[in-house]
Amino acid sequence: MSYQSAAPARGPEVVLRLVPTVISGMVLGAALLTAYFQIPAHDPGLRIIALGGGLGALTVAVLTIRFRFRIRSGRLTATILWRRPQSVDLTRLTSAEAMAEQDAPLVATALGQQRWLELRDETGSVVRLTFYGTTRGQRKRMLAALEPYVMAEGVSRTGLVTEALAGELWWPWPGRRRS
């Protein structure tokens, strides 16, 4: 496939959110808080566990609500948890960088290493994307929308950019069988 120039600045808006994580956190939090009120008062240890788990699940759900990647009018905006939104102009993209090597996903995660795709534009703006926790379909749409910009002529690419755009750096990997 040949990429002569970046994709047009006008196109459909693509948004990636962690809706399943938010819903499951809310449901789990509500269930544990309901259990807290149902557990007899003479069992304080179990009540504390239910209360802590319920409040923790609700906190994770509330923090996850802010997670969003959005492509609109040739601009990518990433809002990740409590950080301020980062933005990069995809039509003026100068470089794309991904991890330099591929290792076992569980080992990398256990060691605190996350896989990422970093995009930089002419103004020096940088956005570092990670797709952990996203569904395969959402990730595929977002990466397909990014591909024409990242693979455009004049954009330098280092690391496993092709693998990143194919979705192979984030679990579950496409093409891999579930065990």
Protein backbone atom coordinates (compact mmCIF):
# COMPACT_ATOMS: atom_id res chain seq x y z
CA MET A 1 0.00 0.00 0.00
CA SER A 2 1.40 3.39 -0.95
CA TYR A 3 0.82 6.45 1.20
CA GLN A 4 1.51 9.67 -0.68
CA SER A 5 0.17 12.20 1.79
CA ALA A 6 -1.71 12.35 5.03
CA ALA A 7 -5.43 11.64 5.02
CA PRO A 8 -7.76 14.58 4.53
CA ALA A 9 -8.33 16.78 7.56
CA ARG A 10 -12.09 16.26 7.31
CA GLY A 11 -13.39 12.83 8.03
CA PRO A 12 -15.59 10.92 10.43
CA GLU A 13 -14.90 11.37 14.10
CA VAL A 14 -13.39 8.32 15.78
CA VAL A 15 -13.64 8.00 19.56
CA LEU A 16 -12.23 5.27 21.77
CA ARG A 17 -13.52 4.93 25.34
CA LEU A 18 -13.37 2.24 28.03
CA VAL A 19 -17.13 1.72 28.34
CA PRO A 20 -17.00 -1.99 29.37
CA THR A 21 -14.55 -1.15 32.19
CA VAL A 22 -16.74 1.69 33.44
CA ILE A 23 -19.90 -0.44 33.39
CA SER A 24 -18.28 -3.43 35.09
CA GLY A 25 -16.74 -1.16 37.75
CA MET A 26 -20.11 0.44 38.48
CA VAL A 27 -21.89 -2.93 38.67
CA LEU A 28 -19.19 -4.49 40.87
CA GLY A 29 -19.10 -1.41 43.13
CA ALA A 30 -22.89 -1.39 43.52
CA ALA A 31 -22.95 -5.13 44.25
CA LEU A 32 -20.23 -4.88 46.90
CA LEU A 33 -21.82 -1.85 48.55
CA THR A 34 -25.16 -3.69 48.62
CA ALA A 35 -23.39 -6.67 50.18
CA TYR A 36 -21.88 -4.33 52.80
CA PHE A 37 -25.36 -3.40 54.01
CA GLN A 38 -26.53 -7.02 53.94
CA ILE A 39 -23.63 -8.46 55.96
CA PRO A 40 -24.46 -8.74 59.68
CA ALA A 41 -22.81 -6.17 61.96
CA HIS A 42 -21.14 -8.90 64.02
CA ASP A 43 -18.81 -9.67 61.05
CA PRO A 44 -16.80 -6.40 60.75
CA GLY A 45 -13.93 -7.92 58.74
CA LEU A 46 -16.17 -9.01 55.90
CA ARG A 47 -18.04 -5.69 56.00
CA ILE A 48 -14.77 -3.75 55.67
CA ILE A 49 -13.70 -5.89 52.71
CA ALA A 50 -17.06 -5.33 50.98
CA LEU A 51 -16.97 -1.58 51.67
CA GLY A 52 -13.35 -1.21 50.51
CA GLY A 53 -13.93 -3.28 47.40
CA GLY A 54 -17.11 -1.40 46.53
CA LEU A 55 -15.54 2.03 46.97
CA GLY A 56 -12.42 0.91 45.08
CA ALA A 57 -14.44 -0.40 42.13
CA LEU A 58 -16.48 2.82 41.97
CA THR A 59 -13.29 4.91 42.13
CA VAL A 60 -11.74 2.98 39.24
CA ALA A 61 -14.96 3.39 37.24
CA VAL A 62 -15.04 7.15 37.86
CA LEU A 63 -11.36 7.55 36.88
CA THR A 64 -11.88 5.42 33.78
CA ILE A 65 -14.75 7.63 32.60
CA ARG A 66 -12.16 10.29 31.67
CA PHE A 67 -10.17 7.93 29.39
CA ARG A 68 -10.74 8.92 25.75
CA PHE A 69 -8.87 9.02 22.46
CA ARG A 70 -10.56 11.17 19.81
CA ILE A 71 -9.67 11.88 16.18
CA ARG A 72 -11.59 14.83 14.78
CA SER A 73 -10.68 17.16 11.89
CA GLY A 74 -7.15 15.75 11.56
CA ARG A 75 -6.38 16.17 15.26
CA LEU A 76 -5.84 13.43 17.85
CA THR A 77 -6.68 14.27 21.45
CA ALA A 78 -5.87 11.82 24.25
CA THR A 79 -7.29 12.13 27.76
CA ILE A 80 -5.88 9.51 30.10
CA LEU A 81 -7.16 9.30 33.68
CA TRP A 82 -6.19 12.39 35.69
CA ARG A 83 -3.71 13.87 33.20
CA ARG A 84 -4.64 16.91 31.18
CA PRO A 85 -5.60 16.20 27.55
CA GLN A 86 -2.72 15.89 25.08
CA SER A 87 -3.21 16.75 21.43
CA VAL A 88 -1.29 16.32 18.19
CA ASP A 89 -2.04 17.57 14.66
CA LEU A 90 -2.11 14.43 12.52
CA THR A 91 -1.86 16.40 9.27
CA ARG A 92 1.51 17.79 10.44
CA LEU A 93 2.86 14.56 11.90
CA THR A 94 6.65 14.23 11.82
CA SER A 95 7.35 10.97 13.66
CA ALA A 96 5.78 7.83 15.01
CA GLU A 97 7.57 5.59 17.46
CA ALA A 98 6.62 2.29 19.07
CA MET A 99 8.47 -0.10 21.33
CA ALA A 100 11.71 -1.35 19.82
CA GLU A 101 11.22 -4.99 20.74
CA GLN A 102 8.43 -7.41 21.39
CA ASP A 103 8.41 -9.60 24.48
CA ALA A 104 5.84 -11.68 26.31
CA PRO A 105 2.91 -9.41 27.27
CA LEU A 106 2.51 -10.75 30.81
CA VAL A 107 6.23 -10.38 31.54
CA ALA A 108 6.28 -6.79 30.28
CA THR A 109 3.15 -5.87 32.23
CA ALA A 110 4.44 -7.56 35.40
CA LEU A 111 7.64 -5.53 35.14
CA GLY A 112 5.64 -2.32 34.72
CA GLN A 113 6.46 -1.89 31.03
CA GLN A 114 3.56 -0.85 28.86
CA ARG A 115 3.54 -0.89 25.10
CA TRP A 116 2.86 2.43 23.44
CA LEU A 117 2.64 4.31 20.20
CA GLU A 118 4.09 7.81 20.38
CA LEU A 119 3.13 10.46 17.81
CA ARG A 120 4.90 13.81 17.40
CA ASP A 121 3.94 16.75 15.17
CA GLU A 122 5.83 19.76 13.72
CA THR A 123 5.00 21.96 16.72
CA GLY A 124 6.61 19.49 19.12
CA SER A 125 3.34 18.21 20.57
CA VAL A 126 3.55 14.58 21.67
CA VAL A 127 0.86 12.03 22.41
CA ARG A 128 1.73 8.60 23.81
CA LEU A 129 -1.05 6.09 23.23
CA THR A 130 -1.53 2.78 24.95
CA PHE A 131 -4.47 0.57 24.16
CA TYR A 132 -4.58 -1.66 27.24
CA GLY A 133 -8.12 -2.29 28.40
CA THR A 134 -9.71 -1.41 25.07
CA THR A 135 -11.85 -3.80 23.10
CA ARG A 136 -10.46 -5.29 19.92
CA GLY A 137 -13.10 -3.57 17.74
CA GLN A 138 -12.51 -0.10 19.21
CA ARG A 139 -8.76 -0.48 18.95
CA LYS A 140 -9.03 -1.68 15.33
CA ARG A 141 -11.14 1.38 14.32
CA MET A 142 -8.78 3.82 16.03
CA LEU A 143 -5.64 2.26 14.55
CA ALA A 144 -7.24 2.15 11.08
CA ALA A 145 -7.99 5.88 11.39
CA LEU A 146 -4.39 6.60 12.46
CA GLU A 147 -2.73 4.45 9.77
CA PRO A 148 -2.96 6.89 6.81
CA TYR A 149 -1.39 9.66 8.90
CA VAL A 150 1.36 7.49 10.42
CA MET A 151 2.25 5.79 7.13
CA ALA A 152 2.24 9.04 5.10
CA GLU A 153 5.34 10.04 3.20
CA GLY A 154 7.62 12.26 5.29
CA VAL A 155 6.70 10.69 8.66
CA SER A 156 9.67 8.95 10.28
CA ARG A 157 8.84 5.64 11.91
CA THR A 158 10.95 3.83 14.50
CA GLY A 159 10.35 0.63 16.40
CA LEU A 160 7.42 -1.70 15.88
CA VAL A 161 5.09 0.87 14.28
CA THR A 162 3.69 -1.57 11.71
CA GLU A 163 2.93 -4.10 14.45
CA ALA A 164 1.37 -1.35 16.57
CA LEU A 165 -0.93 -0.31 13.72
CA ALA A 166 -1.91 -3.95 13.21
CA GLY A 167 -2.90 -4.11 16.90
CA GLU A 168 -0.28 -6.74 17.73
CA LEU A 169 1.27 -4.89 20.67
CA TRP A 170 -1.80 -5.01 22.90
CA TRP A 171 -3.57 -7.95 24.44
CA PRO A 172 -5.54 -9.76 23.15
CA TRP A 173 -3.47 -10.00 20.02
CA PRO A 174 -5.40 -10.54 16.79
CA GLY A 175 -4.72 -13.86 15.17
CA ARG A 176 -3.78 -15.50 18.45
CA ARG A 177 -6.01 -18.25 19.72
CA ARG A 178 -7.45 -17.98 23.18
CA SER A 179 -6.39 -20.83 25.42
